[in-house]
Amino acid sequence: MKIKGNFWIEKDGKSFLGKGRIELLKKIDKYGSISRAAKEMKMSYKAAWDAVDIINKLAKDQVVEKMSGGKGGGGTRVTEYGKKLIDLFESAEEKFRNDLLNLEEFLKKEI
């Protein structure tokens, strides 16, 4: 027997954070570019930008911000608040997975 479940966070009735969006934020943080992050994830720039826009609109503080360009052009960065959200999501997801395992063990004893 196996208990399965998916973890994501909704806010104001809208999808806020899930595995895909967290992965996108991590890649933006790594590369400093939405475009490069989108390519790495095999998604369009528009889909990546739309996801970032939704995250920023639903979050209480800015998660991703554009940086003004100089000679080498601008870029994008994940804010400290955004990094905190990544950590919180991953911690909550791990707790969710552990709770599923505990539930599975409980049910195995009863079924």
Protein backbone atom coordinates (compact mmCIF):
# COMPACT_ATOMS: atom_id res chain seq x y z
CA MET A 1 0.00 0.00 0.00
CA LYS A 2 1.20 3.49 -0.84
CA ILE A 3 -0.22 6.89 0.12
CA LYS A 4 0.43 9.55 -2.49
CA GLY A 5 -0.13 13.26 -2.59
CA ASN A 6 1.01 16.42 -4.31
CA PHE A 7 2.03 19.56 -2.46
CA TRP A 8 1.48 23.12 -3.59
CA ILE A 9 0.38 26.38 -2.01
CA GLU A 10 -2.59 28.45 -3.10
CA LYS A 11 -3.15 32.04 -2.07
CA ASP A 12 -6.34 34.01 -2.64
CA GLY A 13 -7.73 30.97 -4.48
CA LYS A 14 -4.87 30.97 -7.01
CA SER A 15 -1.91 28.65 -7.45
CA PHE A 16 1.03 30.40 -5.75
CA LEU A 17 3.93 27.99 -5.31
CA GLY A 18 4.54 24.44 -6.44
CA LYS A 19 7.51 22.32 -7.46
CA GLY A 20 7.74 23.86 -10.93
CA ARG A 21 7.65 27.45 -9.73
CA ILE A 22 10.17 26.73 -6.98
CA GLU A 23 12.48 25.14 -9.56
CA LEU A 24 12.05 28.22 -11.77
CA LEU A 25 12.96 30.53 -8.87
CA LYS A 26 16.04 28.43 -8.09
CA LYS A 27 17.20 28.61 -11.70
CA ILE A 28 16.59 32.37 -11.86
CA ASP A 29 18.68 32.66 -8.70
CA LYS A 30 21.42 30.52 -10.24
CA TYR A 31 21.59 32.25 -13.63
CA GLY A 32 20.32 35.77 -12.90
CA SER A 33 18.09 35.48 -15.96
CA ILE A 34 14.47 34.51 -16.56
CA SER A 35 15.33 33.69 -20.16
CA ARG A 36 18.13 31.28 -19.22
CA ALA A 37 16.02 29.73 -16.46
CA ALA A 38 13.16 29.20 -18.94
CA LYS A 39 15.50 27.52 -21.44
CA GLU A 40 16.89 25.24 -18.74
CA MET A 41 13.34 24.21 -17.85
CA LYS A 42 12.31 23.82 -21.50
CA MET A 43 9.55 26.40 -21.17
CA SER A 44 8.85 29.57 -23.08
CA TYR A 45 10.07 32.91 -21.78
CA LYS A 46 6.44 34.08 -21.66
CA ALA A 47 5.39 31.12 -19.49
CA ALA A 48 8.31 31.79 -17.14
CA TRP A 49 7.59 35.53 -17.02
CA ASP A 50 3.88 34.88 -16.37
CA ALA A 51 4.76 32.53 -13.49
CA VAL A 52 7.11 35.12 -11.98
CA ASP A 53 4.47 37.83 -12.39
CA ILE A 54 1.85 35.72 -10.58
CA ILE A 55 4.29 34.89 -7.77
CA ASN A 56 5.21 38.56 -7.33
CA LYS A 57 1.56 39.65 -7.34
CA LEU A 58 0.47 37.05 -4.77
CA ALA A 59 3.46 37.38 -2.44
CA LYS A 60 3.48 39.90 0.39
CA ASP A 61 6.88 41.20 -0.80
CA GLN A 62 8.70 41.11 -4.12
CA VAL A 63 10.17 37.69 -4.89
CA VAL A 64 11.92 38.40 -8.19
CA GLU A 65 13.19 41.78 -9.32
CA LYS A 66 14.75 43.16 -12.47
CA MET A 67 18.14 44.80 -12.22
CA SER A 68 18.99 47.79 -14.37
CA GLY A 69 21.55 47.09 -17.02
CA GLY A 70 24.87 48.69 -17.58
CA LYS A 71 27.39 47.64 -20.19
CA GLY A 72 26.49 43.95 -19.92
CA GLY A 73 22.75 44.56 -19.73
CA GLY A 74 20.39 43.97 -16.87
CA GLY A 75 19.36 40.81 -15.23
CA THR A 76 16.94 39.36 -12.77
CA ARG A 77 17.47 38.31 -9.19
CA VAL A 78 15.59 36.44 -6.53
CA THR A 79 15.23 38.68 -3.48
CA GLU A 80 16.09 37.63 0.06
CA TYR A 81 12.36 37.23 0.66
CA GLY A 82 12.20 35.01 -2.43
CA LYS A 83 15.03 32.83 -1.11
CA LYS A 84 13.18 32.57 2.20
CA LEU A 85 10.05 31.41 0.32
CA ILE A 86 12.09 28.72 -1.46
CA ASP A 87 13.41 27.45 1.87
CA LEU A 88 9.97 27.58 3.51
CA PHE A 89 8.36 25.72 0.61
CA GLU A 90 11.01 23.00 0.64
CA SER A 91 10.73 22.59 4.43
CA ALA A 92 6.93 22.42 4.24
CA GLU A 93 7.08 19.92 1.38
CA GLU A 94 9.46 17.71 3.36
CA LYS A 95 7.10 17.84 6.35
CA PHE A 96 4.21 16.94 4.02
CA ARG A 97 6.15 13.92 2.67
CA ASN A 98 7.00 12.77 6.20
CA ASP A 99 3.36 13.13 7.25
CA LEU A 100 2.33 10.99 4.28
CA LEU A 101 4.81 8.30 5.33
CA ASN A 102 3.48 8.39 8.90
CA LEU A 103 -0.09 8.09 7.62
CA GLU A 104 0.94 5.20 5.41
CA GLU A 105 2.50 3.38 8.38
CA PHE A 106 -0.63 3.99 10.47
CA LEU A 107 -2.93 2.66 7.75
CA LYS A 108 -0.76 -0.40 7.09
CA LYS A 109 -1.32 -1.42 10.70
CA GLU A 110 -5.10 -1.05 10.35
CA ILE A 111 -5.78 -2.34 6.86
